[in-house]
Amino acid sequence: MSQVMYAEAEAVARPAFRELLREAAKDRLRERFGEEITALAQLAVDELLKDVQASFEIEAQIQGYTEERRPPRERLREVFAARRARGESRPAQAEKRERRTSGRAKRKR
């Protein structure tokens, strides 16, 4: 059992030691370059936030466009409803075209 406990202690000691080294390195970096590190971090965050804000604005524009845009089916219904309101049906339009075409053919002869 003592060997198992020692192995566990060893396994825990290495990451703990690594963490202590990391903390000491952070402290030393703050001591030597605290103001510069803070300024760099602020600059990086400000630039990131500008990008995020631009992304939000673009997403809002896209969403607004999508909400304003009606589905094509709805627009198609309006097109055909307008034709019906004028009293024209599809066959009636085809007849008008045929008359125009045959009239042109007769004039050319």
PDB file of N, CA and C in Angstrom:
ATOM      1  N   MET A   1       0.828  -1.198   0.000  1.00  0.00           N
ATOM      2  CA  MET A   1       0.000   0.000   0.000  1.00  0.00           C
ATOM      3  C   MET A   1       0.867   1.254   0.000  1.00  0.00           C
ATOM      4  N   SER A   2       2.010   1.202   0.685  1.00  0.00           N
ATOM      5  CA  SER A   2       2.882   2.369   0.747  1.00  0.00           C
ATOM      6  C   SER A   2       3.393   2.743  -0.646  1.00  0.00           C
ATOM      7  N   GLN A   3       3.628   1.757  -1.483  1.00  0.00           N
ATOM      8  CA  GLN A   3       4.100   2.024  -2.849  1.00  0.00           C
ATOM      9  C   GLN A   3       3.016   2.748  -3.655  1.00  0.00           C
ATOM     10  N   VAL A   4       1.748   2.367  -3.462  1.00  0.00           N
ATOM     11  CA  VAL A   4       0.623   3.011  -4.153  1.00  0.00           C
ATOM     12  C   VAL A   4       0.524   4.464  -3.701  1.00  0.00           C
ATOM     13  N   MET A   5       0.640   4.681  -2.391  1.00  0.00           N
ATOM     14  CA  MET A   5       0.541   6.049  -1.849  1.00  0.00           C
ATOM     15  C   MET A   5       1.690   6.916  -2.357  1.00  0.00           C
ATOM     16  N   TYR A   6       2.884   6.347  -2.417  1.00  0.00           N
ATOM     17  CA  TYR A   6       4.037   7.104  -2.907  1.00  0.00           C
ATOM     18  C   TYR A   6       3.844   7.457  -4.383  1.00  0.00           C
ATOM     19  N   ALA A   7       3.328   6.548  -5.155  1.00  0.00           N
ATOM     20  CA  ALA A   7       3.078   6.803  -6.577  1.00  0.00           C
ATOM     21  C   ALA A   7       2.054   7.920  -6.757  1.00  0.00           C
ATOM     22  N   GLU A   8       1.044   7.927  -5.926  1.00  0.00           N
ATOM     23  CA  GLU A   8       0.034   9.000  -5.990  1.00  0.00           C
ATOM     24  C   GLU A   8       0.658  10.338  -5.611  1.00  0.00           C
ATOM     25  N   ALA A   9       1.469  10.332  -4.544  1.00  0.00           N
ATOM     26  CA  ALA A   9       2.125  11.564  -4.112  1.00  0.00           C
ATOM     27  C   ALA A   9       3.027  12.103  -5.218  1.00  0.00           C
ATOM     28  N   GLU A  10       3.744  11.212  -5.853  1.00  0.00           N
ATOM     29  CA  GLU A  10       4.612  11.598  -6.958  1.00  0.00           C
ATOM     30  C   GLU A  10       3.798  12.188  -8.110  1.00  0.00           C
ATOM     31  N   ALA A  11       2.664  11.565  -8.422  1.00  0.00           N
ATOM     32  CA  ALA A  11       1.806  12.035  -9.504  1.00  0.00           C
ATOM     33  C   ALA A  11       1.228  13.414  -9.210  1.00  0.00           C
ATOM     34  N   VAL A  12       0.948  13.691  -7.955  1.00  0.00           N
ATOM     35  CA  VAL A  12       0.385  14.984  -7.563  1.00  0.00           C
ATOM     36  C   VAL A  12       1.487  16.036  -7.443  1.00  0.00           C
ATOM     37  N   ALA A  13       2.655  15.629  -7.026  1.00  0.00           N
ATOM     38  CA  ALA A  13       3.749  16.573  -6.778  1.00  0.00           C
ATOM     39  C   ALA A  13       4.214  17.247  -8.078  1.00  0.00           C
ATOM     40  N   ARG A  14       4.320  16.517  -9.135  1.00  0.00           N
ATOM     41  CA  ARG A  14       4.821  17.100 -10.387  1.00  0.00           C
ATOM     42  C   ARG A  14       3.910  18.203 -10.921  1.00  0.00           C
ATOM     43  N   PRO A  15       2.607  17.967 -11.047  1.00  0.00           N
ATOM     44  CA  PRO A  15       1.752  19.072 -11.511  1.00  0.00           C
ATOM     45  C   PRO A  15       1.734  20.248 -10.525  1.00  0.00           C
ATOM     46  N   ALA A  16       1.793  19.962  -9.220  1.00  0.00           N
ATOM     47  CA  ALA A  16       1.807  21.045  -8.224  1.00  0.00           C
ATOM     48  C   ALA A  16       3.075  21.884  -8.380  1.00  0.00           C
ATOM     49  N   PHE A  17       4.215  21.201  -8.552  1.00  0.00           N
ATOM     50  CA  PHE A  17       5.475  21.913  -8.747  1.00  0.00           C
ATOM     51  C   PHE A  17       5.413  22.756 -10.021  1.00  0.00           C
ATOM     52  N   ARG A  18       4.886  22.187 -11.076  1.00  0.00           N
ATOM     53  CA  ARG A  18       4.736  22.906 -12.336  1.00  0.00           C
ATOM     54  C   ARG A  18       3.862  24.156 -12.138  1.00  0.00           C
ATOM     55  N   GLU A  19       2.792  24.004 -11.366  1.00  0.00           N
ATOM     56  CA  GLU A  19       1.899  25.147 -11.107  1.00  0.00           C
ATOM     57  C   GLU A  19       2.611  26.228 -10.295  1.00  0.00           C
ATOM     58  N   LEU A  20       3.408  25.825  -9.317  1.00  0.00           N
ATOM     59  CA  LEU A  20       4.183  26.808  -8.544  1.00  0.00           C
ATOM     60  C   LEU A  20       5.174  27.552  -9.433  1.00  0.00           C
ATOM     61  N   LEU A  21       5.825  26.826 -10.320  1.00  0.00           N
ATOM     62  CA  LEU A  21       6.739  27.480 -11.267  1.00  0.00           C
ATOM     63  C   LEU A  21       5.994  28.474 -12.149  1.00  0.00           C
ATOM     64  N   ARG A  22       4.819  28.069 -12.611  1.00  0.00           N
ATOM     65  CA  ARG A  22       4.001  28.949 -13.452  1.00  0.00           C
ATOM     66  C   ARG A  22       3.625  30.221 -12.695  1.00  0.00           C
ATOM     67  N   GLU A  23       3.198  30.069 -11.440  1.00  0.00           N
ATOM     68  CA  GLU A  23       2.824  31.245 -10.627  1.00  0.00           C
ATOM     69  C   GLU A  23       4.018  32.153 -10.400  1.00  0.00           C
ATOM     70  N   ALA A  24       5.186  31.573 -10.113  1.00  0.00           N
ATOM     71  CA  ALA A  24       6.396  32.380  -9.898  1.00  0.00           C
ATOM     72  C   ALA A  24       6.774  33.118 -11.180  1.00  0.00           C
ATOM     73  N   ALA A  25       6.633  32.449 -12.318  1.00  0.00           N
ATOM     74  CA  ALA A  25       6.941  33.097 -13.596  1.00  0.00           C
ATOM     75  C   ALA A  25       5.983  34.258 -13.851  1.00  0.00           C
ATOM     76  N   LYS A  26       4.708  34.051 -13.545  1.00  0.00           N
ATOM     77  CA  LYS A  26       3.720  35.131 -13.713  1.00  0.00           C
ATOM     78  C   LYS A  26       4.083  36.320 -12.838  1.00  0.00           C
ATOM     79  N   ASP A  27       4.422  36.037 -11.586  1.00  0.00           N
ATOM     80  CA  ASP A  27       4.788  37.126 -10.669  1.00  0.00           C
ATOM     81  C   ASP A  27       5.988  37.907 -11.204  1.00  0.00           C
ATOM     82  N   ARG A  28       6.994  37.187 -11.687  1.00  0.00           N
ATOM     83  CA  ARG A  28       8.209  37.853 -12.191  1.00  0.00           C
ATOM     84  C   ARG A  28       7.896  38.669 -13.440  1.00  0.00           C
ATOM     85  N   LEU A  29       7.093  38.126 -14.329  1.00  0.00           N
ATOM     86  CA  LEU A  29       6.708  38.875 -15.522  1.00  0.00           C
ATOM     87  C   LEU A  29       5.955  40.155 -15.157  1.00  0.00           C
ATOM     88  N   ARG A  30       5.079  40.043 -14.174  1.00  0.00           N
ATOM     89  CA  ARG A  30       4.340  41.241 -13.728  1.00  0.00           C
ATOM     90  C   ARG A  30       5.292  42.275 -13.146  1.00  0.00           C
ATOM     91  N   GLU A  31       6.265  41.798 -12.383  1.00  0.00           N
ATOM     92  CA  GLU A  31       7.254  42.688 -11.786  1.00  0.00           C
ATOM     93  C   GLU A  31       8.017  43.453 -12.860  1.00  0.00           C
ATOM     94  N   ARG A  32       8.485  42.736 -13.868  1.00  0.00           N
ATOM     95  CA  ARG A  32       9.350  43.325 -14.876  1.00  0.00           C
ATOM     96  C   ARG A  32       8.594  44.058 -15.981  1.00  0.00           C
ATOM     97  N   PHE A  33       7.455  43.522 -16.401  1.00  0.00           N
ATOM     98  CA  PHE A  33       6.748  44.078 -17.551  1.00  0.00           C
ATOM     99  C   PHE A  33       5.267  44.316 -17.280  1.00  0.00           C
ATOM    100  N   GLY A  34       4.912  44.592 -16.052  1.00  0.00           N
ATOM    101  CA  GLY A  34       3.503  44.724 -15.673  1.00  0.00           C
ATOM    102  C   GLY A  34       2.712  45.695 -16.524  1.00  0.00           C
ATOM    103  N   GLU A  35       3.237  46.929 -16.681  1.00  0.00           N
ATOM    104  CA  GLU A  35       2.502  47.938 -17.436  1.00  0.00           C
ATOM    105  C   GLU A  35       2.383  47.556 -18.915  1.00  0.00           C
ATOM    106  N   GLU A  36       3.472  47.030 -19.475  1.00  0.00           N
ATOM    107  CA  GLU A  36       3.459  46.645 -20.885  1.00  0.00           C
ATOM    108  C   GLU A  36       2.497  45.470 -21.124  1.00  0.00           C
ATOM    109  N   ILE A  37       2.531  44.521 -20.196  1.00  0.00           N
ATOM    110  CA  ILE A  37       1.633  43.366 -20.332  1.00  0.00           C
ATOM    111  C   ILE A  37       0.181  43.823 -20.264  1.00  0.00           C
ATOM    112  N   THR A  38      -0.106  44.716 -19.331  1.00  0.00           N
ATOM    113  CA  THR A  38      -1.469  45.242 -19.204  1.00  0.00           C
ATOM    114  C   THR A  38      -1.870  45.987 -20.467  1.00  0.00           C
ATOM    115  N   ALA A  39      -0.977  46.823 -20.997  1.00  0.00           N
ATOM    116  CA  ALA A  39      -1.279  47.580 -22.217  1.00  0.00           C
ATOM    117  C   ALA A  39      -1.497  46.641 -23.403  1.00  0.00           C
ATOM    118  N   LEU A  40      -0.653  45.615 -23.523  1.00  0.00           N
ATOM    119  CA  LEU A  40      -0.822  44.648 -24.611  1.00  0.00           C
ATOM    120  C   LEU A  40      -2.153  43.912 -24.495  1.00  0.00           C
ATOM    121  N   ALA A  41      -2.480  43.506 -23.287  1.00  0.00           N
ATOM    122  CA  ALA A  41      -3.741  42.791 -23.081  1.00  0.00           C
ATOM    123  C   ALA A  41      -4.929  43.692 -23.420  1.00  0.00           C
ATOM    124  N   GLN A  42      -4.866  44.944 -23.002  1.00  0.00           N
ATOM    125  CA  GLN A  42      -5.959  45.868 -23.296  1.00  0.00           C
ATOM    126  C   GLN A  42      -6.099  46.101 -24.796  1.00  0.00           C
ATOM    127  N   LEU A  43      -4.959  46.254 -25.475  1.00  0.00           N
ATOM    128  CA  LEU A  43      -4.988  46.440 -26.919  1.00  0.00           C
ATOM    129  C   LEU A  43      -5.614  45.227 -27.612  1.00  0.00           C
ATOM    130  N   ALA A  44      -5.190  44.041 -27.220  1.00  0.00           N
ATOM    131  CA  ALA A  44      -5.735  42.820 -27.827  1.00  0.00           C
ATOM    132  C   ALA A  44      -7.233  42.698 -27.582  1.00  0.00           C
ATOM    133  N   VAL A  45      -7.673  42.997 -26.371  1.00  0.00           N
ATOM    134  CA  VAL A  45      -9.097  42.910 -26.043  1.00  0.00           C
ATOM    135  C   VAL A  45      -9.890  43.953 -26.818  1.00  0.00           C
ATOM    136  N   ASP A  46      -9.370  45.182 -26.905  1.00  0.00           N
ATOM    137  CA  ASP A  46     -10.068  46.236 -27.648  1.00  0.00           C
ATOM    138  C   ASP A  46     -10.243  45.857 -29.116  1.00  0.00           C
ATOM    139  N   GLU A  47      -9.198  45.313 -29.731  1.00  0.00           N
ATOM    140  CA  GLU A  47      -9.286  44.899 -31.129  1.00  0.00           C
ATOM    141  C   GLU A  47     -10.276  43.751 -31.303  1.00  0.00           C
ATOM    142  N   LEU A  48     -10.237  42.801 -30.386  1.00  0.00           N
ATOM    143  CA  LEU A  48     -11.182  41.686 -30.445  1.00  0.00           C
ATOM    144  C   LEU A  48     -12.620  42.196 -30.328  1.00  0.00           C
ATOM    145  N   LEU A  49     -12.850  43.121 -29.412  1.00  0.00           N
ATOM    146  CA  LEU A  49     -14.198  43.654 -29.226  1.00  0.00           C
ATOM    147  C   LEU A  49     -14.674  44.454 -30.438  1.00  0.00           C
ATOM    148  N   LYS A  50     -13.752  45.138 -31.123  1.00  0.00           N
ATOM    149  CA  LYS A  50     -14.136  45.837 -32.364  1.00  0.00           C
ATOM    150  C   LYS A  50     -14.621  44.822 -33.395  1.00  0.00           C
ATOM    151  N   ASP A  51     -13.883  43.718 -33.512  1.00  0.00           N
ATOM    152  CA  ASP A  51     -14.287  42.668 -34.457  1.00  0.00           C
ATOM    153  C   ASP A  51     -15.640  42.078 -34.081  1.00  0.00           C
ATOM    154  N   VAL A  52     -15.842  41.846 -32.794  1.00  0.00           N
ATOM    155  CA  VAL A  52     -17.108  41.275 -32.326  1.00  0.00           C
ATOM    156  C   VAL A  52     -18.250  42.244 -32.621  1.00  0.00           C
ATOM    157  N   GLN A  53     -18.036  43.526 -32.349  1.00  0.00           N
ATOM    158  CA  GLN A  53     -19.074  44.531 -32.604  1.00  0.00           C
ATOM    159  C   GLN A  53     -19.416  44.587 -34.084  1.00  0.00           C
ATOM    160  N   ALA A  54     -18.400  44.562 -34.948  1.00  0.00           N
ATOM    161  CA  ALA A  54     -18.649  44.576 -36.391  1.00  0.00           C
ATOM    162  C   ALA A  54     -19.441  43.335 -36.801  1.00  0.00           C
ATOM    163  N   SER A  55     -19.099  42.208 -36.220  1.00  0.00           N
ATOM    164  CA  SER A  55     -19.815  40.971 -36.523  1.00  0.00           C
ATOM    165  C   SER A  55     -21.275  41.071 -36.102  1.00  0.00           C
ATOM    166  N   PHE A  56     -21.531  41.633 -34.918  1.00  0.00           N
ATOM    167  CA  PHE A  56     -22.914  41.812 -34.453  1.00  0.00           C
ATOM    168  C   PHE A  56     -23.692  42.717 -35.407  1.00  0.00           C
ATOM    169  N   GLU A  57     -23.050  43.790 -35.879  1.00  0.00           N
ATOM    170  CA  GLU A  57     -23.725  44.715 -36.790  1.00  0.00           C
ATOM    171  C   GLU A  57     -24.067  44.033 -38.110  1.00  0.00           C
ATOM    172  N   ILE A  58     -23.134  43.241 -38.617  1.00  0.00           N
ATOM    173  CA  ILE A  58     -23.393  42.519 -39.865  1.00  0.00           C
ATOM    174  C   ILE A  58     -24.519  41.521 -39.673  1.00  0.00           C
ATOM    175  N   GLU A  59     -24.502  40.791 -38.565  1.00  0.00           N
ATOM    176  CA  GLU A  59     -25.574  39.829 -38.289  1.00  0.00           C
ATOM    177  C   GLU A  59     -26.926  40.529 -38.183  1.00  0.00           C
ATOM    178  N   ALA A  60     -26.954  41.716 -37.567  1.00  0.00           N
ATOM    179  CA  ALA A  60     -28.208  42.461 -37.447  1.00  0.00           C
ATOM    180  C   ALA A  60     -28.716  42.893 -38.820  1.00  0.00           C
ATOM    181  N   GLN A  61     -27.811  43.315 -39.696  1.00  0.00           N
ATOM    182  CA  GLN A  61     -28.208  43.703 -41.053  1.00  0.00           C
ATOM    183  C   GLN A  61     -28.770  42.508 -41.808  1.00  0.00           C
ATOM    184  N   ILE A  62     -28.110  41.372 -41.694  1.00  0.00           N
ATOM    185  CA  ILE A  62     -28.584  40.170 -42.376  1.00  0.00           C
ATOM    186  C   ILE A  62     -29.945  39.759 -41.844  1.00  0.00           C
ATOM    187  N   GLN A  63     -30.108  39.809 -40.534  1.00  0.00           N
ATOM    188  CA  GLN A  63     -31.389  39.437 -39.942  1.00  0.00           C
ATOM    189  C   GLN A  63     -32.486  40.395 -40.401  1.00  0.00           C
ATOM    190  N   GLY A  64     -32.184  41.690 -40.441  1.00  0.00           N
ATOM    191  CA  GLY A  64     -33.167  42.669 -40.908  1.00  0.00           C
ATOM    192  C   GLY A  64     -33.554  42.419 -42.354  1.00  0.00           C
ATOM    193  N   TYR A  65     -32.562  42.125 -43.179  1.00  0.00           N
ATOM    194  CA  TYR A  65     -32.833  41.827 -44.592  1.00  0.00           C
ATOM    195  C   TYR A  65     -33.702  40.581 -44.706  1.00  0.00           C
ATOM    196  N   THR A  66     -33.382  39.569 -43.935  1.00  0.00           N
ATOM    197  CA  THR A  66     -34.136  38.316 -43.985  1.00  0.00           C
ATOM    198  C   THR A  66     -35.575  38.529 -43.541  1.00  0.00           C
ATOM    199  N   GLU A  67     -35.770  39.323 -42.503  1.00  0.00           N
ATOM    200  CA  GLU A  67     -37.123  39.572 -42.012  1.00  0.00           C
ATOM    201  C   GLU A  67     -37.934  40.402 -43.007  1.00  0.00           C
ATOM    202  N   GLU A  68     -37.273  41.337 -43.689  1.00  0.00           N
ATOM    203  CA  GLU A  68     -37.982  42.180 -44.666  1.00  0.00           C
ATOM    204  C   GLU A  68     -38.340  41.407 -45.924  1.00  0.00           C
ATOM    205  N   ARG A  69     -37.488  40.493 -46.264  1.00  0.00           N
ATOM    206  CA  ARG A  69     -37.676  39.745 -47.510  1.00  0.00           C
ATOM    207  C   ARG A  69     -38.787  38.729 -47.344  1.00  0.00           C
ATOM    208  N   ARG A  70     -39.736  38.812 -48.236  1.00  0.00           N
ATOM    209  CA  ARG A  70     -40.843  37.862 -48.181  1.00  0.00           C
ATOM    210  C   ARG A  70     -40.468  36.615 -48.952  1.00  0.00           C
ATOM    211  N   PRO A  71     -41.061  35.511 -48.596  1.00  0.00           N
ATOM    212  CA  PRO A  71     -40.779  34.279 -49.339  1.00  0.00           C
ATOM    213  C   PRO A  71     -41.233  34.405 -50.791  1.00  0.00           C
ATOM    214  N   PRO A  72     -40.528  33.785 -51.731  1.00  0.00           N
ATOM    215  CA  PRO A  72     -40.899  33.886 -53.146  1.00  0.00           C
ATOM    216  C   PRO A  72     -42.327  33.431 -53.428  1.00  0.00           C
ATOM    217  N   ARG A  73     -42.803  32.435 -52.716  1.00  0.00           N
ATOM    218  CA  ARG A  73     -44.174  31.967 -52.959  1.00  0.00           C
ATOM    219  C   ARG A  73     -45.188  33.079 -52.720  1.00  0.00           C
ATOM    220  N   GLU A  74     -44.968  33.831 -51.665  1.00  0.00           N
ATOM    221  CA  GLU A  74     -45.895  34.927 -51.362  1.00  0.00           C
ATOM    222  C   GLU A  74     -45.876  35.970 -52.476  1.00  0.00           C
ATOM    223  N   ARG A  75     -44.693  36.286 -52.974  1.00  0.00           N
ATOM    224  CA  ARG A  75     -44.586  37.257 -54.069  1.00  0.00           C
ATOM    225  C   ARG A  75     -45.218  36.707 -55.345  1.00  0.00           C
ATOM    226  N   LEU A  76     -45.036  35.413 -55.593  1.00  0.00           N
ATOM    227  CA  LEU A  76     -45.665  34.802 -56.771  1.00  0.00           C
ATOM    228  C   LEU A  76     -47.181  34.890 -56.690  1.00  0.00           C
ATOM    229  N   ARG A  77     -47.720  34.634 -55.519  1.00  0.00           N
ATOM    230  CA  ARG A  77     -49.179  34.736 -55.355  1.00  0.00           C
ATOM    231  C   ARG A  77     -49.652  36.137 -55.692  1.00  0.00           C
ATOM    232  N   GLU A  78     -48.896  37.142 -55.272  1.00  0.00           N
ATOM    233  CA  GLU A  78     -49.272  38.524 -55.556  1.00  0.00           C
ATOM    234  C   GLU A  78     -49.249  38.798 -57.066  1.00  0.00           C
ATOM    235  N   VAL A  79     -48.236  38.255 -57.752  1.00  0.00           N
ATOM    236  CA  VAL A  79     -48.138  38.458 -59.197  1.00  0.00           C
ATOM    237  C   VAL A  79     -49.373  37.891 -59.886  1.00  0.00           C
ATOM    238  N   PHE A  80     -49.734  36.661 -59.541  1.00  0.00           N
ATOM    239  CA  PHE A  80     -50.878  36.029 -60.184  1.00  0.00           C
ATOM    240  C   PHE A  80     -52.198  36.625 -59.704  1.00  0.00           C
ATOM    241  N   ALA A  81     -52.248  37.114 -58.492  1.00  0.00           N
ATOM    242  CA  ALA A  81     -53.465  37.771 -58.000  1.00  0.00           C
ATOM    243  C   ALA A  81     -53.689  39.065 -58.775  1.00  0.00           C
ATOM    244  N   ALA A  82     -52.611  39.776 -59.102  1.00  0.00           N
ATOM    245  CA  ALA A  82     -52.738  41.019 -59.862  1.00  0.00           C
ATOM    246  C   ALA A  82     -53.288  40.724 -61.257  1.00  0.00           C
ATOM    247  N   ARG A  83     -52.836  39.640 -61.870  1.00  0.00           N
ATOM    248  CA  ARG A  83     -53.327  39.247 -63.198  1.00  0.00           C
ATOM    249  C   ARG A  83     -54.823  38.952 -63.119  1.00  0.00           C
ATOM    250  N   ARG A  84     -55.224  38.208 -62.086  1.00  0.00           N
ATOM    251  CA  ARG A  84     -56.644  37.880 -61.932  1.00  0.00           C
ATOM    252  C   ARG A  84     -57.460  39.134 -61.677  1.00  0.00           C
ATOM    253  N   ALA A  85     -56.898  40.077 -60.924  1.00  0.00           N
ATOM    254  CA  ALA A  85     -57.619  41.320 -60.631  1.00  0.00           C
ATOM    255  C   ALA A  85     -57.869  42.117 -61.916  1.00  0.00           C
ATOM    256  N   ARG A  86     -56.961  42.006 -62.889  1.00  0.00           N
ATOM    257  CA  ARG A  86     -57.152  42.695 -64.172  1.00  0.00           C
ATOM    258  C   ARG A  86     -58.095  41.915 -65.074  1.00  0.00           C
ATOM    259  N   GLY A  87     -58.474  40.733 -64.644  1.00  0.00           N
ATOM    260  CA  GLY A  87     -59.396  39.917 -65.424  1.00  0.00           C
ATOM    261  C   GLY A  87     -58.710  39.100 -66.498  1.00  0.00           C
ATOM    262  N   GLU A  88     -57.410  38.959 -66.400  1.00  0.00           N
ATOM    263  CA  GLU A  88     -56.681  38.186 -67.399  1.00  0.00           C
ATOM    264  C   GLU A  88     -56.358  36.813 -66.837  1.00  0.00           C
ATOM    265  N   SER A  89     -56.506  35.845 -67.696  1.00  0.00           N
ATOM    266  CA  SER A  89     -56.096  34.499 -67.306  1.00  0.00           C
ATOM    267  C   SER A  89     -54.924  34.117 -68.186  1.00  0.00           C
ATOM    268  N   ARG A  90     -54.278  33.080 -67.901  1.00  0.00           N
ATOM    269  CA  ARG A  90     -53.131  32.633 -68.691  1.00  0.00           C
ATOM    270  C   ARG A  90     -53.538  32.332 -70.136  1.00  0.00           C
ATOM    271  N   PRO A  91     -54.613  31.607 -70.365  1.00  0.00           N
ATOM    272  CA  PRO A  91     -55.015  31.359 -71.760  1.00  0.00           C
ATOM    273  C   PRO A  91     -55.337  32.645 -72.512  1.00  0.00           C
ATOM    274  N   ALA A  92     -55.942  33.620 -71.841  1.00  0.00           N
ATOM    275  CA  ALA A  92     -56.275  34.874 -72.506  1.00  0.00           C
ATOM    276  C   ALA A  92     -55.006  35.579 -72.953  1.00  0.00           C
ATOM    277  N   GLN A  93     -53.991  35.558 -72.163  1.00  0.00           N
ATOM    278  CA  GLN A  93     -52.723  36.178 -72.550  1.00  0.00           C
ATOM    279  C   GLN A  93     -52.109  35.452 -73.732  1.00  0.00           C
ATOM    280  N   ALA A  94     -52.177  34.141 -73.718  1.00  0.00           N
ATOM    281  CA  ALA A  94     -51.624  33.357 -74.829  1.00  0.00           C
ATOM    282  C   ALA A  94     -52.355  33.718 -76.121  1.00  0.00           C
ATOM    283  N   GLU A  95     -53.678  33.891 -76.068  1.00  0.00           N
ATOM    284  CA  GLU A  95     -54.447  34.271 -77.255  1.00  0.00           C
ATOM    285  C   GLU A  95     -54.004  35.630 -77.782  1.00  0.00           C
ATOM    286  N   LYS A  96     -53.786  36.578 -76.876  1.00  0.00           N
ATOM    287  CA  LYS A  96     -53.337  37.906 -77.296  1.00  0.00           C
ATOM    288  C   LYS A  96     -52.006  37.813 -78.033  1.00  0.00           C
ATOM    289  N   ARG A  97     -51.099  37.000 -77.519  1.00  0.00           N
ATOM    290  CA  ARG A  97     -49.795  36.834 -78.146  1.00  0.00           C
ATOM    291  C   ARG A  97     -49.943  36.229 -79.537  1.00  0.00           C
ATOM    292  N   GLU A  98     -50.802  35.220 -79.643  1.00  0.00           N
ATOM    293  CA  GLU A  98     -51.005  34.572 -80.943  1.00  0.00           C
ATOM    294  C   GLU A  98     -51.561  35.560 -81.953  1.00  0.00           C
ATOM    295  N   ARG A  99     -52.532  36.379 -81.536  1.00  0.00           N
ATOM    296  CA  ARG A  99     -53.112  37.351 -82.455  1.00  0.00           C
ATOM    297  C   ARG A  99     -52.049  38.341 -82.935  1.00  0.00           C
ATOM    298  N   ARG A 100     -51.203  38.798 -82.013  1.00  0.00           N
ATOM    299  CA  ARG A 100     -50.154  39.741 -82.387  1.00  0.00           C
ATOM    300  C   ARG A 100     -49.181  39.100 -83.365  1.00  0.00           C
ATOM    301  N   THR A 101     -48.795  37.875 -83.082  1.00  0.00           N
ATOM    302  CA  THR A 101     -47.840  37.168 -83.939  1.00  0.00           C
ATOM    303  C   THR A 101     -48.436  36.908 -85.314  1.00  0.00           C
ATOM    304  N   SER A 102     -49.685  36.445 -85.387  1.00  0.00           N
ATOM    305  CA  SER A 102     -50.299  36.158 -86.690  1.00  0.00           C
ATOM    306  C   SER A 102     -50.537  37.443 -87.467  1.00  0.00           C
ATOM    307  N   GLY A 103     -50.847  38.524 -86.800  1.00  0.00           N
ATOM    308  CA  GLY A 103     -51.042  39.808 -87.455  1.00  0.00           C
ATOM    309  C   GLY A 103     -49.748  40.281 -88.093  1.00  0.00           C
ATOM    310  N   ARG A 104     -48.635  40.101 -87.434  1.00  0.00           N
ATOM    311  CA  ARG A 104     -47.327  40.497 -87.969  1.00  0.00           C
ATOM    312  C   ARG A 104     -47.003  39.648 -89.201  1.00  0.00           C
ATOM    313  N   ALA A 105     -47.313  38.382 -89.141  1.00  0.00           N
ATOM    314  CA  ALA A 105     -47.018  37.488 -90.260  1.00  0.00           C
ATOM    315  C   ALA A 105     -47.794  37.898 -91.488  1.00  0.00           C
ATOM    316  N   LYS A 106     -49.079  38.275 -91.306  1.00  0.00           N
ATOM    317  CA  LYS A 106     -49.902  38.692 -92.442  1.00  0.00           C
ATOM    318  C   LYS A 106     -49.370  39.968 -93.059  1.00  0.00           C
ATOM    319  N   ARG A 107     -48.920  40.914 -92.223  1.00  0.00           N
ATOM    320  CA  ARG A 107     -48.416  42.185 -92.733  1.00  0.00           C
ATOM    321  C   ARG A 107     -47.144  41.993 -93.538  1.00  0.00           C
ATOM    322  N   LYS A 108     -46.324  41.044 -93.186  1.00  0.00           N
ATOM    323  CA  LYS A 108     -45.053  40.819 -93.886  1.00  0.00           C
ATOM    324  C   LYS A 108     -45.301  40.272 -95.276  1.00  0.00           C
ATOM    325  N   ARG A 109     -46.379  39.575 -95.509  1.00  0.00           N
ATOM    326  CA  ARG A 109     -46.657  38.970 -96.829  1.00  0.00           C
ATOM    327  C   ARG A 109     -47.006  40.029 -97.775  1.00  0.00           C
TER     328      ARG A 109
END
